[in-house]
N, C-alpha and C. Protein backbone atom coordinates (compact mmCIF):
# COMPACT_ATOMS: atom_id res chain seq x y z
N MET A 1 60.29 126.88 292.41
CA MET A 1 59.94 125.58 292.98
C MET A 1 61.08 125.06 293.86
N PHE A 2 62.26 124.88 293.28
CA PHE A 2 63.44 124.53 294.05
C PHE A 2 64.64 125.23 293.45
N SER A 3 65.66 125.31 294.24
CA SER A 3 66.86 126.04 293.80
C SER A 3 67.55 125.28 292.68
N LYS A 4 67.70 125.96 291.53
CA LYS A 4 68.36 125.33 290.40
C LYS A 4 69.87 125.33 290.59
N ASN A 5 70.38 126.29 291.33
CA ASN A 5 71.82 126.43 291.50
C ASN A 5 72.38 125.49 292.56
N LYS A 6 71.58 125.19 293.55
CA LYS A 6 72.05 124.35 294.64
C LYS A 6 72.07 122.89 294.20
N PRO A 7 73.19 122.19 294.39
CA PRO A 7 73.25 120.78 294.01
C PRO A 7 72.18 119.95 294.74
N THR A 8 71.72 118.92 294.09
CA THR A 8 70.65 118.09 294.63
C THR A 8 71.02 117.50 295.99
N TYR A 9 72.24 117.02 296.12
CA TYR A 9 72.66 116.38 297.38
C TYR A 9 72.66 117.37 298.54
N GLN A 10 73.00 118.64 298.27
CA GLN A 10 72.95 119.65 299.33
C GLN A 10 71.52 119.97 299.71
N LEU A 11 70.66 120.07 298.70
CA LEU A 11 69.25 120.34 298.94
C LEU A 11 68.62 119.20 299.74
N LEU A 12 68.99 117.95 299.41
CA LEU A 12 68.49 116.79 300.14
C LEU A 12 68.87 116.85 301.61
N LYS A 13 70.09 117.28 301.88
CA LYS A 13 70.56 117.36 303.27
C LYS A 13 69.86 118.48 304.03
N LYS A 14 69.57 119.58 303.32
CA LYS A 14 68.96 120.73 303.98
C LYS A 14 67.45 120.57 304.11
N ASN A 15 66.78 120.16 303.03
CA ASN A 15 65.32 120.02 303.02
C ASN A 15 64.99 118.76 302.22
N GLN A 16 64.76 117.66 302.93
CA GLN A 16 64.60 116.37 302.26
C GLN A 16 63.44 116.34 301.28
N LYS A 17 62.35 117.01 301.62
CA LYS A 17 61.19 116.99 300.73
C LYS A 17 61.52 117.66 299.39
N LYS A 18 62.10 118.86 299.46
CA LYS A 18 62.46 119.57 298.23
C LYS A 18 63.58 118.86 297.48
N GLY A 19 64.51 118.30 298.23
CA GLY A 19 65.61 117.56 297.61
C GLY A 19 65.13 116.31 296.90
N LEU A 20 64.19 115.62 297.52
CA LEU A 20 63.62 114.42 296.90
C LEU A 20 62.85 114.79 295.64
N GLU A 21 62.14 115.90 295.69
CA GLU A 21 61.39 116.36 294.52
C GLU A 21 62.35 116.70 293.38
N LYS A 22 63.43 117.39 293.70
CA LYS A 22 64.40 117.75 292.66
C LYS A 22 65.07 116.50 292.10
N MET A 23 65.43 115.56 292.98
CA MET A 23 66.06 114.33 292.54
C MET A 23 65.11 113.55 291.62
N TYR A 24 63.84 113.50 292.00
CA TYR A 24 62.85 112.80 291.17
C TYR A 24 62.73 113.47 289.80
N ASN A 25 62.64 114.79 289.79
CA ASN A 25 62.50 115.52 288.52
C ASN A 25 63.73 115.36 287.63
N LEU A 26 64.92 115.34 288.22
CA LEU A 26 66.14 115.25 287.43
C LEU A 26 66.45 113.82 286.97
N TYR A 27 66.19 112.84 287.84
CA TYR A 27 66.67 111.49 287.58
C TYR A 27 65.58 110.42 287.42
N GLY A 28 64.38 110.68 287.92
CA GLY A 28 63.34 109.65 287.95
C GLY A 28 63.03 109.03 286.60
N SER A 29 62.66 109.85 285.64
CA SER A 29 62.27 109.30 284.33
C SER A 29 63.47 108.71 283.60
N LYS A 30 64.66 109.25 283.82
CA LYS A 30 65.87 108.70 283.18
C LYS A 30 66.15 107.29 283.70
N LEU A 31 66.06 107.12 285.02
CA LEU A 31 66.29 105.81 285.60
C LEU A 31 65.24 104.81 285.12
N CYS A 32 63.99 105.25 285.10
CA CYS A 32 62.90 104.37 284.66
C CYS A 32 63.12 103.94 283.21
N ALA A 33 63.42 104.89 282.35
CA ALA A 33 63.65 104.57 280.93
C ALA A 33 64.85 103.63 280.77
N TYR A 34 65.89 103.85 281.55
CA TYR A 34 67.06 102.99 281.50
C TYR A 34 66.69 101.55 281.89
N GLY A 35 65.91 101.41 282.95
CA GLY A 35 65.49 100.07 283.39
C GLY A 35 64.63 99.37 282.36
N ILE A 36 63.74 100.12 281.71
CA ILE A 36 62.85 99.53 280.71
C ILE A 36 63.62 99.16 279.46
N LYS A 37 64.43 100.10 278.97
CA LYS A 37 65.13 99.89 277.70
C LYS A 37 66.28 98.90 277.81
N ASN A 38 67.13 99.07 278.80
CA ASN A 38 68.35 98.26 278.88
C ASN A 38 68.19 96.97 279.67
N TRP A 39 67.21 96.91 280.55
CA TRP A 39 67.05 95.73 281.39
C TRP A 39 65.71 95.02 281.14
N ASN A 40 64.94 95.53 280.21
CA ASN A 40 63.65 94.93 279.83
C ASN A 40 62.70 94.77 281.01
N LEU A 41 62.67 95.75 281.88
CA LEU A 41 61.74 95.75 283.01
C LEU A 41 60.37 96.21 282.53
N THR A 42 59.34 95.82 283.26
CA THR A 42 58.04 96.40 283.01
C THR A 42 58.06 97.81 283.61
N GLU A 43 57.13 98.63 283.20
CA GLU A 43 57.09 100.00 283.70
C GLU A 43 56.90 100.03 285.22
N ASP A 44 56.04 99.16 285.73
CA ASP A 44 55.80 99.11 287.17
C ASP A 44 57.05 98.72 287.94
N ASP A 45 57.74 97.68 287.46
CA ASP A 45 58.95 97.24 288.14
C ASP A 45 60.02 98.33 288.10
N ALA A 46 60.15 98.99 286.96
CA ALA A 46 61.14 100.05 286.83
C ALA A 46 60.85 101.18 287.82
N TRP A 47 59.60 101.62 287.88
CA TRP A 47 59.25 102.71 288.80
C TRP A 47 59.43 102.27 290.24
N GLU A 48 59.12 101.03 290.55
CA GLU A 48 59.30 100.55 291.92
C GLU A 48 60.77 100.64 292.33
N LEU A 49 61.66 100.26 291.42
CA LEU A 49 63.10 100.34 291.72
C LEU A 49 63.58 101.78 291.79
N VAL A 50 63.01 102.65 290.97
CA VAL A 50 63.36 104.08 291.04
C VAL A 50 62.97 104.63 292.41
N TYR A 51 61.76 104.32 292.87
CA TYR A 51 61.33 104.81 294.17
C TYR A 51 62.19 104.25 295.30
N LYS A 52 62.52 102.97 295.22
CA LYS A 52 63.39 102.37 296.24
C LYS A 52 64.72 103.11 296.29
N THR A 53 65.27 103.36 295.11
CA THR A 53 66.56 104.05 295.02
C THR A 53 66.48 105.43 295.66
N MET A 54 65.47 106.17 295.30
CA MET A 54 65.36 107.55 295.80
C MET A 54 65.11 107.60 297.30
N TYR A 55 64.27 106.72 297.80
CA TYR A 55 64.01 106.72 299.24
C TYR A 55 65.23 106.25 300.03
N LYS A 56 65.97 105.33 299.46
CA LYS A 56 67.21 104.86 300.10
C LYS A 56 68.20 106.03 300.20
N ILE A 57 68.35 106.77 299.12
CA ILE A 57 69.28 107.91 299.12
C ILE A 57 68.79 108.98 300.10
N GLU A 58 67.49 109.25 300.08
CA GLU A 58 66.94 110.26 300.99
C GLU A 58 67.22 109.87 302.45
N LYS A 59 67.05 108.61 302.75
CA LYS A 59 67.21 108.13 304.13
C LYS A 59 68.67 108.21 304.59
N ASN A 60 69.59 107.96 303.67
CA ASN A 60 71.01 107.85 304.05
C ASN A 60 71.89 108.98 303.54
N ILE A 61 71.31 110.05 303.04
CA ILE A 61 72.10 111.12 302.41
C ILE A 61 73.13 111.73 303.36
N ASN A 62 72.82 111.79 304.64
CA ASN A 62 73.75 112.42 305.58
C ASN A 62 75.00 111.59 305.83
N ASN A 63 75.01 110.34 305.37
CA ASN A 63 76.18 109.49 305.54
C ASN A 63 77.20 109.69 304.42
N TYR A 64 76.89 110.51 303.43
CA TYR A 64 77.74 110.66 302.25
C TYR A 64 78.05 112.14 301.99
N SER A 65 79.16 112.35 301.30
CA SER A 65 79.48 113.69 300.81
C SER A 65 79.93 113.55 299.36
N PHE A 66 79.66 114.57 298.57
CA PHE A 66 79.94 114.52 297.14
C PHE A 66 80.68 115.79 296.73
N GLU A 67 81.54 115.64 295.75
CA GLU A 67 82.29 116.78 295.25
C GLU A 67 81.43 117.67 294.36
N ASN A 68 80.55 117.04 293.56
CA ASN A 68 79.73 117.80 292.63
C ASN A 68 78.51 116.96 292.22
N GLU A 69 77.66 117.55 291.40
CA GLU A 69 76.42 116.88 290.97
C GLU A 69 76.71 115.64 290.13
N ALA A 70 77.80 115.67 289.36
CA ALA A 70 78.16 114.52 288.53
C ALA A 70 78.48 113.30 289.39
N LYS A 71 79.20 113.51 290.49
CA LYS A 71 79.52 112.40 291.41
C LYS A 71 78.24 111.89 292.07
N PHE A 72 77.36 112.80 292.41
CA PHE A 72 76.08 112.41 293.00
C PHE A 72 75.26 111.60 291.99
N SER A 73 75.26 112.04 290.74
CA SER A 73 74.55 111.33 289.69
C SER A 73 75.08 109.91 289.54
N SER A 74 76.38 109.74 289.56
CA SER A 74 76.99 108.41 289.48
C SER A 74 76.57 107.55 290.65
N PHE A 75 76.49 108.17 291.82
CA PHE A 75 76.07 107.46 293.03
C PHE A 75 74.63 106.95 292.88
N ILE A 76 73.76 107.80 292.35
CA ILE A 76 72.36 107.40 292.14
C ILE A 76 72.29 106.20 291.21
N TYR A 77 73.01 106.27 290.09
CA TYR A 77 72.99 105.16 289.13
C TYR A 77 73.57 103.88 289.74
N LYS A 78 74.59 104.03 290.57
CA LYS A 78 75.19 102.85 291.20
C LYS A 78 74.18 102.15 292.11
N ILE A 79 73.46 102.92 292.90
CA ILE A 79 72.45 102.33 293.77
C ILE A 79 71.33 101.70 292.95
N PHE A 80 70.90 102.39 291.89
CA PHE A 80 69.85 101.86 291.02
C PHE A 80 70.29 100.53 290.39
N ILE A 81 71.53 100.47 289.92
CA ILE A 81 72.06 99.24 289.31
C ILE A 81 72.07 98.11 290.35
N ASN A 82 72.44 98.43 291.58
CA ASN A 82 72.42 97.40 292.63
C ASN A 82 71.01 96.87 292.84
N TYR A 83 70.02 97.76 292.87
CA TYR A 83 68.63 97.31 293.02
C TYR A 83 68.21 96.48 291.81
N LEU A 84 68.66 96.85 290.61
CA LEU A 84 68.35 96.06 289.41
C LEU A 84 68.91 94.65 289.54
N ARG A 85 70.16 94.55 289.94
CA ARG A 85 70.79 93.22 290.09
C ARG A 85 70.06 92.38 291.14
N ASN A 86 69.73 93.01 292.26
CA ASN A 86 68.99 92.28 293.29
C ASN A 86 67.63 91.82 292.78
N PHE A 87 66.98 92.68 292.02
CA PHE A 87 65.67 92.35 291.46
C PHE A 87 65.77 91.12 290.57
N PHE A 88 66.76 91.09 289.68
CA PHE A 88 66.90 89.95 288.78
C PHE A 88 67.37 88.70 289.50
N ARG A 89 68.21 88.87 290.51
CA ARG A 89 68.63 87.72 291.30
C ARG A 89 67.42 87.09 292.00
N ASP A 90 66.62 87.93 292.63
CA ASP A 90 65.43 87.44 293.34
C ASP A 90 64.43 86.82 292.38
N ASN A 91 64.22 87.45 291.23
CA ASN A 91 63.26 86.92 290.27
C ASN A 91 63.77 85.65 289.59
N LYS A 92 65.07 85.51 289.48
CA LYS A 92 65.63 84.27 288.93
C LYS A 92 65.30 83.11 289.87
N THR A 93 65.42 83.34 291.17
CA THR A 93 65.07 82.33 292.15
C THR A 93 63.59 81.99 292.06
N LYS A 94 62.75 83.02 291.92
CA LYS A 94 61.31 82.80 291.79
C LYS A 94 61.01 82.03 290.52
N GLN A 95 61.70 82.38 289.43
CA GLN A 95 61.47 81.70 288.15
C GLN A 95 61.85 80.23 288.25
N GLN A 96 62.96 79.93 288.94
CA GLN A 96 63.35 78.54 289.11
C GLN A 96 62.28 77.79 289.89
N TYR A 97 61.73 78.42 290.91
CA TYR A 97 60.66 77.80 291.69
C TYR A 97 59.43 77.57 290.81
N LEU A 98 59.09 78.56 289.99
CA LEU A 98 57.93 78.42 289.11
C LEU A 98 58.14 77.30 288.10
N ASN A 99 59.36 77.16 287.58
CA ASN A 99 59.64 76.08 286.64
C ASN A 99 59.47 74.72 287.31
N ILE A 100 59.92 74.59 288.55
CA ILE A 100 59.75 73.34 289.27
C ILE A 100 58.27 73.07 289.51
N THR A 101 57.52 74.09 289.88
CA THR A 101 56.09 73.94 290.10
C THR A 101 55.40 73.52 288.81
N GLU A 102 55.80 74.12 287.70
CA GLU A 102 55.21 73.80 286.40
C GLU A 102 55.46 72.34 286.05
N ILE A 103 56.66 71.85 286.30
CA ILE A 103 57.00 70.45 286.02
C ILE A 103 56.12 69.54 286.87
N ASN A 104 55.97 69.87 288.15
CA ASN A 104 55.15 69.05 289.03
C ASN A 104 53.70 69.01 288.57
N ASN A 105 53.19 70.12 288.06
CA ASN A 105 51.81 70.13 287.58
C ASN A 105 51.65 69.28 286.33
N ASN A 106 52.68 69.24 285.50
CA ASN A 106 52.62 68.44 284.29
C ASN A 106 52.67 66.94 284.59
N ILE A 107 53.23 66.57 285.71
CA ILE A 107 53.31 65.16 286.08
C ILE A 107 51.93 64.65 286.51
N ASP A 108 51.03 65.53 286.76
CA ASP A 108 49.65 65.19 287.13
C ASP A 108 49.53 64.69 288.57
N ILE A 109 50.34 65.23 289.45
CA ILE A 109 50.21 64.91 290.87
C ILE A 109 49.48 66.09 291.49
N GLU A 110 48.16 66.03 291.44
CA GLU A 110 47.38 67.15 291.94
C GLU A 110 46.56 66.70 293.15
N ASP A 111 46.54 67.54 294.12
CA ASP A 111 45.79 67.27 295.32
C ASP A 111 44.46 68.00 295.24
N LYS A 112 43.37 67.31 295.49
CA LYS A 112 42.05 67.92 295.38
C LYS A 112 41.87 69.05 296.38
N ASN A 113 42.52 68.97 297.52
CA ASN A 113 42.44 70.07 298.48
C ASN A 113 43.05 71.34 297.92
N ASP A 114 44.17 71.20 297.19
CA ASP A 114 44.79 72.36 296.56
C ASP A 114 43.85 72.99 295.54
N GLN A 115 43.17 72.14 294.77
CA GLN A 115 42.23 72.65 293.77
C GLN A 115 41.09 73.39 294.45
N LEU A 116 40.59 72.82 295.54
CA LEU A 116 39.50 73.44 296.28
C LEU A 116 39.96 74.78 296.85
N GLU A 117 41.18 74.81 297.43
CA GLU A 117 41.72 76.05 297.98
C GLU A 117 41.88 77.10 296.90
N GLU A 118 42.36 76.70 295.73
CA GLU A 118 42.54 77.63 294.63
C GLU A 118 41.21 78.21 294.17
N SER A 119 40.19 77.37 294.07
CA SER A 119 38.89 77.88 293.65
C SER A 119 38.30 78.82 294.70
N GLU A 120 38.57 78.56 295.96
CA GLU A 120 38.12 79.46 297.03
C GLU A 120 38.82 80.82 296.90
N GLN A 121 40.11 80.80 296.57
CA GLN A 121 40.85 82.05 296.41
C GLN A 121 40.32 82.84 295.22
N VAL A 122 39.94 82.14 294.16
CA VAL A 122 39.37 82.82 293.00
C VAL A 122 38.05 83.48 293.38
N LYS A 123 37.26 82.77 294.16
CA LYS A 123 35.98 83.34 294.62
C LYS A 123 36.23 84.59 295.47
N LEU A 124 37.20 84.49 296.37
CA LEU A 124 37.52 85.64 297.22
C LEU A 124 37.99 86.83 296.37
N LEU A 125 38.83 86.56 295.38
CA LEU A 125 39.31 87.62 294.51
C LEU A 125 38.15 88.26 293.75
N ASN A 126 37.27 87.45 293.21
CA ASN A 126 36.11 87.99 292.49
C ASN A 126 35.25 88.85 293.41
N ASN A 127 35.06 88.42 294.64
CA ASN A 127 34.29 89.22 295.60
C ASN A 127 34.94 90.57 295.84
N GLU A 128 36.27 90.59 295.99
CA GLU A 128 36.98 91.85 296.22
C GLU A 128 36.91 92.75 294.99
N LEU A 129 37.01 92.16 293.82
CA LEU A 129 36.94 92.95 292.58
C LEU A 129 35.56 93.57 292.39
N GLU A 130 34.52 92.86 292.81
CA GLU A 130 33.16 93.40 292.69
C GLU A 130 32.95 94.63 293.56
N LYS A 131 33.71 94.74 294.64
CA LYS A 131 33.58 95.88 295.54
C LYS A 131 34.22 97.16 294.97
N LEU A 132 35.08 97.00 293.97
CA LEU A 132 35.78 98.15 293.41
C LEU A 132 34.90 98.94 292.45
N GLU A 133 35.28 100.19 292.25
CA GLU A 133 34.60 101.01 291.25
C GLU A 133 35.05 100.56 289.86
N ASP A 134 34.27 100.92 288.84
CA ASP A 134 34.58 100.49 287.47
C ASP A 134 35.97 100.93 287.03
N TRP A 135 36.34 102.18 287.30
CA TRP A 135 37.64 102.68 286.86
C TRP A 135 38.77 101.92 287.53
N GLN A 136 38.56 101.46 288.78
CA GLN A 136 39.59 100.71 289.49
C GLN A 136 39.79 99.33 288.87
N ARG A 137 38.68 98.68 288.53
CA ARG A 137 38.78 97.37 287.86
C ARG A 137 39.46 97.52 286.49
N MET A 138 39.10 98.59 285.77
CA MET A 138 39.72 98.82 284.46
C MET A 138 41.22 99.03 284.60
N LEU A 139 41.62 99.81 285.60
CA LEU A 139 43.04 100.06 285.83
C LEU A 139 43.78 98.76 286.08
N LEU A 140 43.24 97.92 286.96
CA LEU A 140 43.88 96.64 287.25
C LEU A 140 43.97 95.76 286.02
N LEU A 141 42.89 95.69 285.27
CA LEU A 141 42.85 94.84 284.08
C LEU A 141 43.83 95.32 283.02
N LEU A 142 43.84 96.62 282.75
CA LEU A 142 44.72 97.15 281.71
C LEU A 142 46.20 97.05 282.10
N ARG A 143 46.52 97.26 283.37
CA ARG A 143 47.91 97.11 283.80
C ARG A 143 48.33 95.65 283.76
N ALA A 144 47.40 94.74 284.03
CA ALA A 144 47.71 93.31 283.94
C ALA A 144 48.09 92.93 282.52
N GLN A 145 47.64 93.71 281.56
CA GLN A 145 47.97 93.47 280.16
C GLN A 145 49.18 94.30 279.73
N ASP A 146 49.90 94.88 280.70
CA ASP A 146 51.08 95.70 280.46
C ASP A 146 50.83 96.92 279.60
N MET A 147 49.62 97.46 279.66
CA MET A 147 49.33 98.69 278.93
C MET A 147 49.96 99.85 279.68
N PRO A 148 50.65 100.74 279.00
CA PRO A 148 51.29 101.88 279.67
C PRO A 148 50.25 102.83 280.27
N TYR A 149 50.67 103.52 281.32
CA TYR A 149 49.77 104.45 282.00
C TYR A 149 49.26 105.54 281.06
N SER A 150 50.08 105.94 280.12
CA SER A 150 49.66 107.00 279.19
C SER A 150 48.45 106.55 278.37
N GLU A 151 48.39 105.27 278.02
CA GLU A 151 47.24 104.75 277.28
C GLU A 151 46.03 104.57 278.21
N ILE A 152 46.28 104.10 279.41
CA ILE A 152 45.20 103.87 280.37
C ILE A 152 44.50 105.18 280.69
N ALA A 153 45.26 106.27 280.78
CA ALA A 153 44.69 107.58 281.11
C ALA A 153 43.63 108.00 280.10
N LYS A 154 43.71 107.49 278.88
CA LYS A 154 42.72 107.82 277.86
C LYS A 154 41.36 107.19 278.17
N TYR A 155 41.38 106.08 278.90
CA TYR A 155 40.14 105.37 279.21
C TYR A 155 39.59 105.71 280.60
N ILE A 156 40.48 106.14 281.47
CA ILE A 156 40.09 106.43 282.84
C ILE A 156 40.27 107.93 283.07
N ASP A 157 39.30 108.55 283.65
CA ASP A 157 39.32 110.00 283.85
C ASP A 157 40.13 110.35 285.11
N LYS A 158 41.40 109.98 285.08
CA LYS A 158 42.31 110.28 286.19
C LYS A 158 43.63 110.74 285.58
N PRO A 159 44.39 111.58 286.31
CA PRO A 159 45.68 112.04 285.79
C PRO A 159 46.66 110.88 285.63
N GLU A 160 47.40 110.89 284.55
CA GLU A 160 48.35 109.80 284.25
C GLU A 160 49.35 109.58 285.38
N LYS A 161 49.87 110.67 285.93
CA LYS A 161 50.87 110.55 286.99
C LYS A 161 50.30 109.89 288.25
N GLN A 162 49.00 110.02 288.48
CA GLN A 162 48.39 109.44 289.66
C GLN A 162 48.05 107.96 289.48
N LEU A 163 47.97 107.51 288.24
CA LEU A 163 47.57 106.12 287.98
C LEU A 163 48.53 105.12 288.61
N LYS A 164 49.83 105.43 288.61
CA LYS A 164 50.81 104.53 289.23
C LYS A 164 50.51 104.37 290.72
N VAL A 165 50.20 105.49 291.35
CA VAL A 165 49.90 105.47 292.78
C VAL A 165 48.62 104.68 293.04
N TYR A 166 47.57 104.97 292.26
CA TYR A 166 46.31 104.24 292.42
C TYR A 166 46.52 102.74 292.23
N TYR A 167 47.29 102.38 291.22
CA TYR A 167 47.52 100.97 290.91
C TYR A 167 48.24 100.27 292.08
N GLY A 168 49.28 100.91 292.58
CA GLY A 168 50.01 100.33 293.71
C GLY A 168 49.14 100.17 294.94
N ARG A 169 48.32 101.17 295.22
CA ARG A 169 47.42 101.10 296.38
C ARG A 169 46.37 100.01 296.21
N LEU A 170 45.83 99.89 294.99
CA LEU A 170 44.82 98.85 294.75
C LEU A 170 45.42 97.45 294.93
N LYS A 171 46.61 97.23 294.39
CA LYS A 171 47.25 95.93 294.53
C LYS A 171 47.47 95.60 296.01
N THR A 172 47.97 96.57 296.75
CA THR A 172 48.23 96.36 298.17
C THR A 172 46.93 96.09 298.93
N LYS A 173 45.92 96.88 298.65
CA LYS A 173 44.63 96.74 299.33
C LYS A 173 44.02 95.36 299.07
N ILE A 174 44.01 94.94 297.82
CA ILE A 174 43.39 93.66 297.48
C ILE A 174 44.18 92.51 298.08
N SER A 175 45.50 92.56 298.01
CA SER A 175 46.29 91.46 298.55
C SER A 175 46.12 91.35 300.07
N LYS A 176 46.04 92.50 300.76
CA LYS A 176 45.81 92.46 302.21
C LYS A 176 44.44 91.89 302.54
N GLN A 177 43.42 92.30 301.78
CA GLN A 177 42.07 91.80 302.03
C GLN A 177 41.99 90.30 301.76
N LEU A 178 42.63 89.85 300.70
CA LEU A 178 42.64 88.41 300.40
C LEU A 178 43.36 87.63 301.48
N GLU A 179 44.46 88.17 301.96
CA GLU A 179 45.22 87.50 303.01
C GLU A 179 44.40 87.42 304.30
N ASN A 180 43.71 88.52 304.64
CA ASN A 180 42.86 88.53 305.84
C ASN A 180 41.73 87.50 305.73
N ARG A 181 41.08 87.46 304.58
CA ARG A 181 39.99 86.51 304.39
C ARG A 181 40.50 85.08 304.40
N LYS A 182 41.66 84.86 303.83
CA LYS A 182 42.26 83.53 303.81
C LYS A 182 42.53 83.07 305.24
N GLU A 183 43.06 83.98 306.07
CA GLU A 183 43.34 83.64 307.47
C GLU A 183 42.04 83.32 308.20
N LEU A 184 40.99 84.09 307.92
CA LEU A 184 39.70 83.82 308.57
C LEU A 184 39.15 82.46 308.16
N MET A 185 39.35 82.08 306.91
CA MET A 185 38.87 80.78 306.43
C MET A 185 39.58 79.64 307.17
N TYR A 186 40.88 79.79 307.41
CA TYR A 186 41.64 78.73 308.06
C TYR A 186 41.35 78.65 309.56
N GLU A 187 40.88 79.74 310.14
CA GLU A 187 40.54 79.73 311.56
C GLU A 187 39.27 78.94 311.83
N LYS A 188 38.40 78.86 310.82
CA LYS A 188 37.11 78.17 311.02
C LYS A 188 37.26 76.69 311.13
């Protein structure tokens, strides 16, 4: 499949596709498990950061040189840790915003237009969900409940490794469709 003797960083420089595959096989699940166990990430967030890390390294590998695989491994973890810190910094800001929003909602200062807009968005979401196949709706629902892909695979006749990809594509597809419909509503 790929050269076991050739260091990952050299393989990445020579053949990015094979190098990325080797890097994923050697480090992907370790990084994901580290993010879940030590940083309490959800599985989706952990995998998203793993992919960001690997694509960043793939893109910039020619800017670096390494003495051995151990130094390269340290480099991978360093980049992953940076993405983890950025993730928590960004989410802390979002959480502060959500807390402020929650306080404002408790004060009972609600605008009827906002309520109308929210109900319209719910209708749009329901319309988009109705267009999906049963297995796609199940995937979205079960992931929303933080069920691991290994469990979801028991209910959906799809390979476990592909479920992450399907889930990401579904989220992107629905959010784009909702955004497009929302823009059309405001144009009227």
